[in-house]
N, C-alpha and C. Protein backbone atom coordinates (compact mmCIF):
# COMPACT_ATOMS: atom_id res chain seq x y z
N MET A 1 -19.27 -43.38 11.95
CA MET A 1 -17.83 -43.22 12.68
C MET A 1 -16.88 -44.24 12.24
N GLU A 2 -17.44 -45.65 11.89
CA GLU A 2 -16.59 -46.56 11.62
C GLU A 2 -16.16 -46.30 10.06
N ARG A 3 -16.81 -45.62 9.13
CA ARG A 3 -16.55 -45.14 7.85
C ARG A 3 -15.35 -44.23 8.17
N GLN A 4 -15.49 -43.32 8.88
CA GLN A 4 -14.40 -42.20 8.91
C GLN A 4 -12.91 -42.88 9.30
N VAL A 5 -13.28 -43.96 10.28
CA VAL A 5 -11.82 -44.70 10.57
C VAL A 5 -11.19 -45.27 9.50
N LYS A 6 -12.20 -46.16 8.81
CA LYS A 6 -11.79 -46.80 7.58
C LYS A 6 -11.12 -45.95 6.65
N VAL A 7 -11.74 -44.66 6.40
CA VAL A 7 -11.31 -43.89 5.40
C VAL A 7 -9.63 -43.27 5.85
N LEU A 8 -9.63 -42.97 7.14
CA LEU A 8 -8.22 -42.56 7.68
C LEU A 8 -7.38 -43.66 7.61
N GLU A 9 -7.76 -44.93 7.60
CA GLU A 9 -6.84 -46.02 7.94
C GLU A 9 -6.39 -46.07 6.17
N GLU A 10 -7.34 -46.00 5.31
CA GLU A 10 -6.82 -45.92 3.84
C GLU A 10 -5.97 -44.72 3.56
N GLN A 11 -6.27 -43.77 4.10
CA GLN A 11 -5.44 -42.46 3.80
C GLN A 11 -3.71 -42.90 4.38
N SER A 12 -3.74 -43.70 5.53
CA SER A 12 -2.61 -44.12 6.18
C SER A 12 -2.00 -45.03 5.23
N ARG A 13 -2.50 -45.96 4.66
CA ARG A 13 -1.96 -47.12 3.96
C ARG A 13 -1.46 -46.42 2.61
N ARG A 14 -2.11 -45.32 1.99
CA ARG A 14 -1.78 -44.58 1.00
C ARG A 14 -0.28 -43.89 1.04
N LEU A 15 -0.24 -43.47 2.24
CA LEU A 15 1.08 -42.68 2.86
C LEU A 15 2.09 -43.62 2.81
N GLU A 16 1.80 -44.74 3.34
CA GLU A 16 2.89 -45.62 3.47
C GLU A 16 3.46 -46.26 1.93
N GLN A 17 2.45 -46.21 1.14
CA GLN A 17 2.86 -46.63 -0.09
C GLN A 17 3.66 -45.71 -0.92
N LYS A 18 3.26 -44.47 -0.60
CA LYS A 18 4.10 -43.17 -0.95
C LYS A 18 5.49 -43.31 -0.52
N ARG A 19 5.55 -43.69 0.71
CA ARG A 19 7.09 -43.80 1.61
C ARG A 19 7.94 -44.78 0.86
N ARG A 20 7.35 -45.86 0.42
CA ARG A 20 7.74 -47.01 -0.23
C ARG A 20 8.34 -46.49 -1.79
N GLN A 21 7.42 -45.71 -2.30
CA GLN A 21 7.68 -45.23 -3.65
C GLN A 21 8.88 -44.38 -3.82
N TYR A 22 8.85 -43.61 -2.67
CA TYR A 22 9.86 -42.39 -2.85
C TYR A 22 11.42 -43.18 -2.32
N SER A 23 11.11 -44.07 -1.64
CA SER A 23 12.45 -44.99 -1.20
C SER A 23 12.94 -45.53 -2.59
N TRP A 24 12.24 -46.11 -3.19
CA TRP A 24 12.29 -46.95 -4.55
C TRP A 24 13.01 -45.73 -5.59
N GLN A 25 12.19 -44.68 -5.58
CA GLN A 25 12.93 -43.62 -6.55
C GLN A 25 14.22 -43.12 -6.10
N GLN A 26 14.48 -43.07 -4.86
CA GLN A 26 15.72 -42.55 -4.48
C GLN A 26 16.63 -43.48 -4.83
N ALA A 27 16.48 -44.91 -4.57
CA ALA A 27 17.34 -46.05 -4.76
C ALA A 27 17.53 -46.26 -6.18
N GLU A 28 16.78 -45.82 -7.04
CA GLU A 28 17.07 -45.93 -8.57
C GLU A 28 17.68 -44.41 -9.07
N GLY A 29 17.73 -43.43 -8.06
CA GLY A 29 18.50 -42.25 -8.63
C GLY A 29 17.65 -41.26 -9.23
N ILE A 30 16.29 -41.46 -9.03
CA ILE A 30 15.28 -40.63 -9.69
C ILE A 30 15.05 -39.38 -8.85
N ILE A 31 15.05 -39.56 -7.63
CA ILE A 31 15.02 -38.20 -6.74
C ILE A 31 16.45 -38.38 -5.87
N SER A 32 16.86 -37.26 -5.42
CA SER A 32 18.02 -37.03 -4.48
C SER A 32 17.76 -37.42 -2.92
N GLU A 33 18.80 -37.59 -2.26
CA GLU A 33 18.52 -37.66 -0.95
C GLU A 33 17.71 -36.52 0.09
N GLU A 34 18.04 -35.58 -0.63
CA GLU A 34 17.37 -34.22 -0.07
C GLU A 34 15.72 -34.24 -0.27
N GLU A 35 15.59 -34.74 -1.60
CA GLU A 35 14.04 -34.84 -2.14
C GLU A 35 13.45 -35.80 -1.12
N LEU A 36 14.06 -36.88 -0.87
CA LEU A 36 13.51 -38.02 -0.15
C LEU A 36 13.23 -37.66 1.15
N ARG A 37 14.33 -36.77 1.98
CA ARG A 37 14.16 -36.44 3.30
C ARG A 37 12.84 -35.43 3.51
N THR A 38 12.69 -34.67 2.45
CA THR A 38 11.51 -33.68 2.24
C THR A 38 10.33 -34.18 2.23
N ALA A 39 10.22 -35.35 1.26
CA ALA A 39 8.87 -36.06 1.17
C ALA A 39 8.74 -37.06 2.31
N PHE A 40 9.87 -37.49 3.08
CA PHE A 40 9.37 -38.30 4.51
C PHE A 40 8.84 -37.40 5.41
N LYS A 41 9.36 -36.19 5.33
CA LYS A 41 8.73 -35.18 6.53
C LYS A 41 7.50 -34.96 6.06
N GLN A 42 7.06 -34.55 5.02
CA GLN A 42 5.62 -34.42 4.46
C GLN A 42 4.80 -35.63 4.99
N ILE A 43 5.19 -36.90 4.69
CA ILE A 43 4.52 -37.96 4.70
C ILE A 43 4.39 -38.20 6.48
N LYS A 44 5.47 -37.95 7.08
CA LYS A 44 5.41 -37.98 8.71
C LYS A 44 4.35 -37.00 9.10
N SER A 45 4.31 -35.88 8.56
CA SER A 45 3.45 -34.84 9.09
C SER A 45 1.92 -35.40 8.78
N GLY A 46 1.74 -35.81 7.67
CA GLY A 46 0.45 -36.42 7.21
C GLY A 46 -0.02 -37.50 8.21
N GLU A 47 0.95 -38.34 8.25
CA GLU A 47 0.54 -39.50 9.42
C GLU A 47 0.25 -39.18 10.69
N SER A 48 0.95 -38.08 11.17
CA SER A 48 0.68 -37.71 12.79
C SER A 48 -0.60 -37.10 12.89
N VAL A 49 -1.18 -36.41 11.60
CA VAL A 49 -2.43 -35.71 11.49
C VAL A 49 -3.68 -36.69 11.29
N ILE A 50 -3.30 -37.83 10.85
CA ILE A 50 -4.13 -39.04 10.63
C ILE A 50 -4.17 -39.71 12.15
N SER A 51 -3.25 -39.78 12.54
CA SER A 51 -3.10 -40.66 13.76
C SER A 51 -3.89 -40.10 14.98
N GLU A 52 -3.59 -38.58 14.78
CA GLU A 52 -4.47 -37.74 15.88
C GLU A 52 -5.95 -37.86 15.60
N GLN A 53 -6.48 -37.70 14.54
CA GLN A 53 -7.78 -37.87 13.96
C GLN A 53 -8.38 -39.33 14.36
N ILE A 54 -7.64 -40.25 14.13
CA ILE A 54 -8.13 -41.63 14.65
C ILE A 54 -8.07 -41.70 16.21
N SER A 55 -7.30 -41.24 16.89
CA SER A 55 -7.38 -41.16 18.27
C SER A 55 -8.52 -40.41 18.91
N ARG A 56 -8.80 -39.33 18.16
CA ARG A 56 -9.80 -38.51 18.70
C ARG A 56 -11.11 -39.27 18.56
N LEU A 57 -11.49 -39.83 17.09
CA LEU A 57 -12.57 -40.60 17.11
C LEU A 57 -12.58 -41.70 17.99
N GLU A 58 -11.56 -42.45 18.24
CA GLU A 58 -11.62 -43.61 19.27
C GLU A 58 -11.99 -42.89 20.76
N HIS A 59 -11.44 -41.86 21.13
CA HIS A 59 -11.99 -41.30 22.29
C HIS A 59 -13.36 -41.09 22.50
N PHE A 60 -13.73 -40.49 21.25
CA PHE A 60 -15.30 -40.03 21.07
C PHE A 60 -16.25 -41.37 21.23
N ARG A 61 -15.58 -42.46 20.35
CA ARG A 61 -16.53 -43.51 20.33
C ARG A 61 -16.59 -44.29 21.75
N ARG A 62 -15.68 -43.98 22.83
CA ARG A 62 -15.73 -44.68 24.29
C ARG A 62 -16.47 -43.77 25.13
N GLU A 63 -16.81 -42.38 24.76
CA GLU A 63 -17.87 -41.74 25.35
C GLU A 63 -19.10 -42.23 25.73
N PRO A 64 -19.91 -42.00 26.59
CA PRO A 64 -21.26 -42.60 26.62
C PRO A 64 -22.30 -41.93 25.85
N ALA A 65 -23.15 -42.76 25.25
CA ALA A 65 -24.09 -42.26 24.28
C ALA A 65 -24.83 -41.33 24.97
N PRO A 66 -25.52 -40.36 24.31
CA PRO A 66 -26.44 -39.40 24.84
C PRO A 66 -27.66 -40.20 25.36
N MET A 67 -28.40 -39.49 26.41
CA MET A 67 -29.41 -40.34 26.95
C MET A 67 -30.76 -39.99 25.96
N ASP A 68 -31.51 -41.13 25.88
CA ASP A 68 -32.79 -40.93 25.04
C ASP A 68 -33.80 -39.95 25.52
N ILE A 69 -34.56 -39.43 24.74
CA ILE A 69 -35.44 -38.47 25.01
C ILE A 69 -36.50 -38.98 26.46
N THR A 70 -36.84 -39.97 26.37
CA THR A 70 -37.51 -40.55 27.61
C THR A 70 -36.75 -40.18 29.05
N THR A 71 -35.61 -40.57 29.00
CA THR A 71 -34.91 -40.43 29.85
C THR A 71 -34.84 -38.91 30.43
N PHE A 72 -34.33 -38.20 29.35
CA PHE A 72 -34.42 -36.69 29.55
C PHE A 72 -35.59 -36.08 30.12
N LYS A 73 -36.56 -36.56 29.58
CA LYS A 73 -38.09 -35.93 30.02
C LYS A 73 -38.09 -36.33 31.57
N LYS A 74 -37.96 -37.35 32.09
CA LYS A 74 -38.02 -37.77 33.37
C LYS A 74 -37.18 -37.05 34.12
N LEU A 75 -35.75 -36.98 34.03
CA LEU A 75 -34.81 -35.89 34.49
C LEU A 75 -35.44 -34.40 34.64
N ALA A 76 -35.89 -34.16 33.57
CA ALA A 76 -36.14 -32.64 33.36
C ALA A 76 -37.39 -32.41 34.39
N GLU A 77 -38.55 -33.47 34.68
CA GLU A 77 -39.36 -33.29 35.78
C GLU A 77 -38.67 -33.43 37.52
N PHE A 78 -37.66 -34.21 37.54
CA PHE A 78 -37.12 -34.45 38.69
C PHE A 78 -36.33 -33.30 39.16
N TRP A 79 -35.33 -32.73 38.21
CA TRP A 79 -34.37 -31.97 38.65
C TRP A 79 -34.83 -30.66 39.17
N PRO A 80 -35.81 -29.84 38.67
CA PRO A 80 -36.02 -28.67 39.05
C PRO A 80 -36.54 -28.82 40.54
N ALA A 81 -37.28 -29.62 41.04
CA ALA A 81 -37.64 -29.98 42.63
C ALA A 81 -36.47 -30.08 43.25
N GLU A 82 -35.57 -30.88 42.64
CA GLU A 82 -34.47 -31.22 43.61
C GLU A 82 -33.29 -29.94 43.66
N ILE A 83 -33.48 -29.25 42.69
CA ILE A 83 -32.69 -28.00 42.62
C ILE A 83 -33.28 -26.93 43.47
N ILE A 84 -34.47 -26.77 43.66
CA ILE A 84 -35.06 -25.73 44.42
C ILE A 84 -35.04 -26.11 45.81
N GLY A 85 -35.33 -27.40 46.11
CA GLY A 85 -34.89 -27.81 47.57
C GLY A 85 -33.59 -27.63 48.06
N ASN A 86 -32.59 -28.01 47.40
CA ASN A 86 -31.30 -27.39 47.74
C ASN A 86 -31.04 -25.90 47.79
N LEU A 87 -31.55 -25.16 46.92
CA LEU A 87 -31.20 -23.86 46.79
C LEU A 87 -31.95 -23.31 48.20
N ALA A 88 -33.12 -23.52 48.41
CA ALA A 88 -33.66 -23.01 49.54
C ALA A 88 -32.95 -23.14 50.95
N ASN A 89 -31.93 -24.20 50.90
CA ASN A 89 -31.05 -24.41 52.16
C ASN A 89 -29.79 -23.78 51.96
N ALA A 90 -29.48 -23.36 50.88
CA ALA A 90 -28.01 -22.85 50.33
C ALA A 90 -27.88 -21.54 50.84
N THR A 91 -26.38 -21.41 50.90
CA THR A 91 -25.91 -19.90 51.25
C THR A 91 -26.15 -18.83 50.14
N ASP A 92 -25.90 -17.61 50.45
CA ASP A 92 -26.15 -16.70 49.68
C ASP A 92 -25.00 -16.95 48.50
N ASP A 93 -23.82 -17.32 49.00
CA ASP A 93 -22.52 -17.43 48.00
C ASP A 93 -23.08 -18.42 46.95
N VAL A 94 -23.25 -19.66 47.56
CA VAL A 94 -23.96 -20.75 46.56
C VAL A 94 -24.98 -20.53 45.64
N ARG A 95 -25.94 -19.58 45.84
CA ARG A 95 -26.86 -18.97 45.00
C ARG A 95 -26.43 -18.29 44.19
N ALA A 96 -25.56 -17.33 44.69
CA ALA A 96 -24.92 -16.52 43.59
C ALA A 96 -24.11 -17.20 42.54
N ARG A 97 -23.32 -18.25 43.00
CA ARG A 97 -22.67 -19.07 41.88
C ARG A 97 -23.56 -19.76 40.92
N PHE A 98 -24.66 -20.41 41.46
CA PHE A 98 -25.60 -20.80 40.66
C PHE A 98 -26.25 -19.95 39.57
N ALA A 99 -26.37 -18.81 40.13
CA ALA A 99 -26.98 -17.81 39.21
C ALA A 99 -26.04 -17.43 38.13
N GLU A 100 -24.87 -17.18 38.54
CA GLU A 100 -23.93 -17.00 37.53
C GLU A 100 -23.43 -18.15 36.54
N LEU A 101 -23.62 -19.33 36.91
CA LEU A 101 -23.51 -20.53 36.10
C LEU A 101 -24.45 -20.53 35.06
N PHE A 102 -25.88 -20.35 35.42
CA PHE A 102 -26.67 -20.29 34.40
C PHE A 102 -27.33 -19.01 33.85
N ASP A 103 -26.31 -18.09 34.14
CA ASP A 103 -26.67 -16.66 33.49
C ASP A 103 -28.04 -16.19 33.93
N LEU A 104 -28.31 -16.48 35.36
CA LEU A 104 -29.64 -15.99 35.97
C LEU A 104 -29.52 -14.75 36.49
N HIS A 105 -30.56 -13.95 36.54
CA HIS A 105 -30.48 -12.66 37.37
C HIS A 105 -31.59 -13.02 38.47
N ALA A 106 -30.83 -13.15 39.80
CA ALA A 106 -31.49 -13.41 40.85
C ALA A 106 -31.21 -12.44 42.09
N ILE A 107 -32.38 -12.27 42.74
CA ILE A 107 -32.50 -11.33 43.67
C ILE A 107 -32.46 -12.00 45.00
N ILE A 108 -31.50 -11.78 45.97
CA ILE A 108 -31.50 -12.64 47.15
C ILE A 108 -31.76 -11.52 48.39
N CYS A 109 -32.88 -12.03 48.83
CA CYS A 109 -33.42 -11.23 50.00
C CYS A 109 -32.79 -11.80 51.22
N PRO A 110 -32.37 -10.68 52.24
CA PRO A 110 -31.80 -11.20 53.61
C PRO A 110 -32.92 -11.93 54.35
């Protein structure tokens, strides 16, 4: 992930260099004002895409890491008993919603 952020930051630096290059070319009369505006719009669009990607990576980095397999196995042993205990006392509506959530086919007896 760090490598991806570095690549995106490098792309951002290259866009900034392009912006300076286009400004210099317009100052020297190599390109027109309209060409400069068009180039700046493209650069701004590229910068916004890069900025969005960096912010998504930063958000992803802040998310908690997935649990390790040992913890997952312990929870897998605990949860079925906990769920069954709660469903035994649940109303029919709760049982139906649970079945829908997990795409289960349940028969609810009166």
